[in-house]
Each structure stands twice: as C-alpha cells, then as structure tokens.
Amino acid sequence: MSRKTVKHEIDLADLPPLSEKQKAELSALSGRAGSDVDYSELSTLTAAFWKDAERGKFYKPTKTSTTVRIDSDVLAWLRSQGKGYQSRINAILRREMLASLK
C-alpha cells in the first residue's frame, strides 16, 4: 500500500471562520479558571522517565538539495567509509551545529 503525503499550508493572517460549535467551545473554555482543570489522571513524569529520553527522536527535517565544494581528500575519505557518505556529511554538520548551539 502506498502512502501519499498531504501538506496543507495555512495563512495565519487569513484563517477560515470558526463554526458556531467551535465558537461555543472556545467561549466555554475561556470562562474557566486554570484551577478548574482536573490533572488527577495525568501521571507525574519522574527522573526515570527522562533518563532515556531522546531529543528529536520523531523529528524528521526536510532536505534541501545544494552544491558544496569539499576538499578532494575529505570527500574521498567520506566515500571510503562506504555507502551513505552524504548522510555522514549531514550528521557531521548537524553534530557541529548542535554543539555550537549549546
């Protein structure tokens, strides 16, 4: 079975009008105080939960095709590591980017 990706772009400056039902729900919610919200069913997130957490585990960035000039010896070394040298270039650049953001 093939899957088709459907993308929707929304112009935040020109949103579609709300239905009467949506307006009623928003009106009811806006009148509630934060203390009225029942959080009893939510479990507390402990340190054990966060121990194995991974940042961006489900994040899949979009790819952009570009042309980059790389020294021949660097490219040869990357290619000598086997298939996937472009992914390795991306991983190296991402690692450096994340290190510089810390």
N, C-alpha and C. Protein backbone atom coordinates (compact mmCIF):
# COMPACT_ATOMS: atom_id res chain seq x y z
N MET A 1 0.85 -1.16 0.00
CA MET A 1 0.00 0.00 0.00
C MET A 1 0.90 1.23 0.00
N SER A 2 0.67 2.14 -0.91
CA SER A 2 1.47 3.36 -0.96
C SER A 2 0.77 4.45 -0.15
N ARG A 3 1.59 5.30 0.44
CA ARG A 3 1.06 6.41 1.22
C ARG A 3 1.40 7.70 0.51
N LYS A 4 0.46 8.59 0.48
CA LYS A 4 0.71 9.89 -0.09
C LYS A 4 0.78 10.91 1.03
N THR A 5 1.76 11.77 0.97
CA THR A 5 1.89 12.83 1.96
C THR A 5 1.02 13.99 1.52
N VAL A 6 0.21 14.44 2.42
CA VAL A 6 -0.66 15.58 2.14
C VAL A 6 -0.16 16.74 2.96
N LYS A 7 0.10 17.86 2.32
CA LYS A 7 0.56 19.05 3.02
C LYS A 7 -0.48 20.14 2.89
N HIS A 8 -0.70 20.81 3.98
CA HIS A 8 -1.62 21.94 3.99
C HIS A 8 -0.86 23.16 4.46
N GLU A 9 -1.00 24.24 3.77
CA GLU A 9 -0.41 25.49 4.22
C GLU A 9 -1.54 26.39 4.66
N ILE A 10 -1.37 26.96 5.84
CA ILE A 10 -2.40 27.82 6.40
C ILE A 10 -1.83 29.22 6.51
N ASP A 11 -2.57 30.16 5.99
CA ASP A 11 -2.19 31.56 6.12
C ASP A 11 -2.74 32.05 7.45
N LEU A 12 -1.86 32.24 8.44
CA LEU A 12 -2.30 32.64 9.76
C LEU A 12 -2.94 34.02 9.78
N ALA A 13 -2.67 34.81 8.76
CA ALA A 13 -3.29 36.13 8.67
C ALA A 13 -4.70 36.05 8.10
N ASP A 14 -5.05 34.92 7.50
CA ASP A 14 -6.36 34.78 6.87
C ASP A 14 -6.93 33.38 7.17
N LEU A 15 -7.24 33.16 8.45
CA LEU A 15 -7.74 31.85 8.87
C LEU A 15 -9.19 31.67 8.45
N PRO A 16 -9.61 30.42 8.23
CA PRO A 16 -11.02 30.17 7.89
C PRO A 16 -11.89 30.51 9.11
N PRO A 17 -13.13 30.88 8.89
CA PRO A 17 -14.00 31.25 10.02
C PRO A 17 -14.32 30.03 10.89
N LEU A 18 -14.53 30.29 12.19
CA LEU A 18 -14.89 29.23 13.12
C LEU A 18 -16.37 28.89 12.97
N SER A 19 -16.68 27.62 13.20
CA SER A 19 -18.09 27.20 13.18
C SER A 19 -18.73 27.66 14.49
N GLU A 20 -20.05 27.62 14.54
CA GLU A 20 -20.75 28.01 15.76
C GLU A 20 -20.37 27.08 16.91
N LYS A 21 -20.20 25.80 16.62
CA LYS A 21 -19.81 24.83 17.65
C LYS A 21 -18.43 25.17 18.20
N GLN A 22 -17.49 25.51 17.32
CA GLN A 22 -16.14 25.88 17.76
C GLN A 22 -16.17 27.14 18.61
N LYS A 23 -16.97 28.12 18.20
CA LYS A 23 -17.09 29.36 18.97
C LYS A 23 -17.64 29.08 20.36
N ALA A 24 -18.64 28.20 20.45
CA ALA A 24 -19.24 27.86 21.75
C ALA A 24 -18.22 27.16 22.65
N GLU A 25 -17.42 26.24 22.08
CA GLU A 25 -16.39 25.54 22.87
C GLU A 25 -15.35 26.51 23.38
N LEU A 26 -14.90 27.41 22.53
CA LEU A 26 -13.90 28.40 22.95
C LEU A 26 -14.45 29.32 24.02
N SER A 27 -15.69 29.71 23.88
CA SER A 27 -16.32 30.57 24.86
C SER A 27 -16.40 29.88 26.22
N ALA A 28 -16.78 28.61 26.22
CA ALA A 28 -16.89 27.85 27.46
C ALA A 28 -15.51 27.68 28.11
N LEU A 29 -14.51 27.41 27.30
CA LEU A 29 -13.16 27.22 27.84
C LEU A 29 -12.55 28.52 28.36
N SER A 30 -12.82 29.62 27.69
CA SER A 30 -12.22 30.89 28.10
C SER A 30 -12.76 31.37 29.44
N GLY A 31 -13.94 30.88 29.82
CA GLY A 31 -14.53 31.28 31.09
C GLY A 31 -14.03 30.47 32.26
N ARG A 32 -13.26 29.44 32.02
CA ARG A 32 -12.77 28.58 33.10
C ARG A 32 -11.46 29.11 33.66
N ALA A 33 -11.30 28.96 34.94
CA ALA A 33 -10.04 29.32 35.58
C ALA A 33 -9.08 28.13 35.46
N GLY A 34 -7.80 28.40 35.48
CA GLY A 34 -6.81 27.33 35.39
C GLY A 34 -6.92 26.34 36.52
N SER A 35 -7.40 26.81 37.67
CA SER A 35 -7.54 25.91 38.82
C SER A 35 -8.70 24.94 38.65
N ASP A 36 -9.57 25.18 37.67
CA ASP A 36 -10.70 24.29 37.42
C ASP A 36 -10.31 23.05 36.61
N VAL A 37 -9.12 23.05 36.06
CA VAL A 37 -8.70 21.92 35.23
C VAL A 37 -8.28 20.76 36.11
N ASP A 38 -8.81 19.59 35.83
CA ASP A 38 -8.52 18.38 36.61
C ASP A 38 -7.32 17.65 36.00
N TYR A 39 -6.21 17.66 36.72
CA TYR A 39 -5.00 17.00 36.26
C TYR A 39 -4.79 15.65 36.94
N SER A 40 -5.77 15.16 37.69
CA SER A 40 -5.59 13.95 38.50
C SER A 40 -5.28 12.70 37.67
N GLU A 41 -5.72 12.65 36.43
CA GLU A 41 -5.47 11.46 35.61
C GLU A 41 -4.08 11.46 34.98
N LEU A 42 -3.40 12.58 35.04
CA LEU A 42 -2.06 12.66 34.45
C LEU A 42 -1.04 12.09 35.41
N SER A 43 -0.13 11.28 34.89
CA SER A 43 0.91 10.73 35.74
C SER A 43 2.06 11.73 35.84
N THR A 44 2.75 11.68 36.97
CA THR A 44 3.90 12.56 37.18
C THR A 44 5.09 12.00 36.41
N LEU A 45 5.80 12.85 35.70
CA LEU A 45 6.97 12.41 34.96
C LEU A 45 8.17 12.44 35.90
N THR A 46 8.72 11.27 36.15
CA THR A 46 9.84 11.14 37.09
C THR A 46 11.17 11.27 36.36
N ALA A 47 12.24 11.32 37.13
CA ALA A 47 13.59 11.37 36.55
C ALA A 47 13.86 10.11 35.72
N ALA A 48 13.29 8.97 36.13
CA ALA A 48 13.48 7.72 35.39
C ALA A 48 12.89 7.83 33.98
N PHE A 49 11.76 8.53 33.86
CA PHE A 49 11.15 8.72 32.55
C PHE A 49 12.08 9.49 31.63
N TRP A 50 12.69 10.55 32.14
CA TRP A 50 13.54 11.41 31.32
C TRP A 50 14.92 10.84 31.07
N LYS A 51 15.30 9.80 31.84
CA LYS A 51 16.65 9.22 31.73
C LYS A 51 16.96 8.75 30.30
N ASP A 52 16.00 8.11 29.67
CA ASP A 52 16.22 7.56 28.33
C ASP A 52 15.60 8.40 27.22
N ALA A 53 15.19 9.61 27.57
CA ALA A 53 14.55 10.47 26.57
C ALA A 53 15.57 10.89 25.50
N GLU A 54 15.11 10.99 24.28
CA GLU A 54 15.96 11.42 23.17
C GLU A 54 15.37 12.67 22.56
N ARG A 55 16.20 13.67 22.37
CA ARG A 55 15.74 14.89 21.73
C ARG A 55 15.58 14.64 20.24
N GLY A 56 14.43 15.04 19.71
CA GLY A 56 14.19 14.94 18.28
C GLY A 56 14.01 13.54 17.74
N LYS A 57 13.63 12.59 18.58
CA LYS A 57 13.51 11.20 18.14
C LYS A 57 12.56 11.05 16.96
N PHE A 58 11.47 11.80 16.97
CA PHE A 58 10.48 11.67 15.91
C PHE A 58 10.53 12.84 14.92
N TYR A 59 11.54 13.69 15.08
CA TYR A 59 11.68 14.84 14.20
C TYR A 59 12.39 14.42 12.92
N LYS A 60 11.78 14.73 11.78
CA LYS A 60 12.41 14.42 10.50
C LYS A 60 12.50 15.72 9.71
N PRO A 61 13.70 16.30 9.67
CA PRO A 61 13.83 17.58 8.98
C PRO A 61 13.67 17.42 7.47
N THR A 62 13.26 18.48 6.83
CA THR A 62 13.16 18.45 5.37
C THR A 62 14.58 18.52 4.80
N LYS A 63 14.74 18.00 3.62
CA LYS A 63 16.04 18.01 2.95
C LYS A 63 16.04 19.06 1.85
N THR A 64 17.19 19.68 1.66
CA THR A 64 17.36 20.67 0.61
C THR A 64 18.57 20.28 -0.23
N SER A 65 18.39 20.28 -1.51
CA SER A 65 19.49 19.95 -2.41
C SER A 65 20.35 21.21 -2.60
N THR A 66 21.66 21.02 -2.50
CA THR A 66 22.57 22.15 -2.65
C THR A 66 23.89 21.66 -3.24
N THR A 67 24.72 22.58 -3.62
CA THR A 67 26.05 22.25 -4.11
C THR A 67 27.07 22.77 -3.11
N VAL A 68 28.00 21.90 -2.70
CA VAL A 68 29.01 22.27 -1.72
C VAL A 68 30.37 21.87 -2.27
N ARG A 69 31.33 22.75 -2.09
CA ARG A 69 32.69 22.43 -2.51
C ARG A 69 33.44 21.86 -1.31
N ILE A 70 33.92 20.62 -1.46
CA ILE A 70 34.61 19.91 -0.39
C ILE A 70 35.98 19.49 -0.90
N ASP A 71 36.97 19.57 -0.04
CA ASP A 71 38.31 19.13 -0.43
C ASP A 71 38.26 17.68 -0.90
N SER A 72 39.03 17.40 -1.95
CA SER A 72 39.00 16.06 -2.56
C SER A 72 39.36 14.96 -1.58
N ASP A 73 40.36 15.21 -0.72
CA ASP A 73 40.76 14.16 0.23
C ASP A 73 39.68 13.91 1.27
N VAL A 74 38.96 14.94 1.66
CA VAL A 74 37.87 14.78 2.63
C VAL A 74 36.74 13.96 2.00
N LEU A 75 36.39 14.29 0.77
CA LEU A 75 35.33 13.56 0.07
C LEU A 75 35.74 12.10 -0.15
N ALA A 76 37.00 11.88 -0.52
CA ALA A 76 37.48 10.51 -0.72
C ALA A 76 37.40 9.71 0.58
N TRP A 77 37.76 10.34 1.69
CA TRP A 77 37.68 9.67 2.99
C TRP A 77 36.23 9.31 3.33
N LEU A 78 35.31 10.26 3.12
CA LEU A 78 33.90 10.00 3.40
C LEU A 78 33.36 8.86 2.54
N ARG A 79 33.71 8.87 1.27
CA ARG A 79 33.24 7.81 0.36
C ARG A 79 33.87 6.47 0.70
N SER A 80 35.10 6.49 1.22
CA SER A 80 35.78 5.23 1.56
C SER A 80 35.12 4.52 2.74
N GLN A 81 34.30 5.23 3.50
CA GLN A 81 33.60 4.65 4.64
C GLN A 81 32.43 3.79 4.20
N GLY A 82 32.10 3.82 2.90
CA GLY A 82 31.00 3.02 2.39
C GLY A 82 29.82 3.87 1.99
N LYS A 83 28.75 3.18 1.67
CA LYS A 83 27.54 3.83 1.20
C LYS A 83 27.00 4.82 2.24
N GLY A 84 26.43 5.92 1.77
CA GLY A 84 25.81 6.88 2.67
C GLY A 84 26.71 8.05 3.05
N TYR A 85 27.65 8.40 2.19
CA TYR A 85 28.58 9.48 2.54
C TYR A 85 27.85 10.82 2.70
N GLN A 86 26.78 11.05 1.95
CA GLN A 86 26.05 12.30 2.10
C GLN A 86 25.36 12.37 3.46
N SER A 87 24.84 11.26 3.91
CA SER A 87 24.23 11.22 5.25
C SER A 87 25.28 11.46 6.32
N ARG A 88 26.48 10.94 6.11
CA ARG A 88 27.56 11.19 7.07
C ARG A 88 27.96 12.65 7.08
N ILE A 89 28.00 13.29 5.92
CA ILE A 89 28.29 14.72 5.86
C ILE A 89 27.24 15.48 6.67
N ASN A 90 25.98 15.11 6.46
CA ASN A 90 24.88 15.77 7.18
C ASN A 90 25.01 15.55 8.68
N ALA A 91 25.35 14.32 9.09
CA ALA A 91 25.49 14.02 10.53
C ALA A 91 26.62 14.82 11.15
N ILE A 92 27.73 14.94 10.44
CA ILE A 92 28.87 15.71 10.94
C ILE A 92 28.48 17.18 11.09
N LEU A 93 27.82 17.72 10.08
CA LEU A 93 27.39 19.12 10.15
C LEU A 93 26.36 19.34 11.26
N ARG A 94 25.43 18.40 11.41
CA ARG A 94 24.42 18.52 12.47
C ARG A 94 25.07 18.48 13.85
N ARG A 95 26.03 17.58 14.04
CA ARG A 95 26.72 17.49 15.32
C ARG A 95 27.41 18.81 15.65
N GLU A 96 28.06 19.41 14.67
CA GLU A 96 28.73 20.69 14.88
C GLU A 96 27.72 21.80 15.16
N MET A 97 26.59 21.77 14.44
CA MET A 97 25.57 22.78 14.64
C MET A 97 25.02 22.70 16.06
N LEU A 98 24.69 21.49 16.52
CA LEU A 98 24.14 21.33 17.87
C LEU A 98 25.17 21.70 18.94
N ALA A 99 26.44 21.40 18.69
CA ALA A 99 27.48 21.76 19.64
C ALA A 99 27.61 23.28 19.77
N SER A 100 27.45 23.97 18.65
CA SER A 100 27.58 25.44 18.70
C SER A 100 26.37 26.10 19.33
N LEU A 101 25.23 25.38 19.38
CA LEU A 101 24.02 25.95 19.99
C LEU A 101 24.01 25.80 21.50
N LYS A 102 24.87 24.94 22.04
CA LYS A 102 24.91 24.71 23.50
C LYS A 102 25.59 25.84 24.22
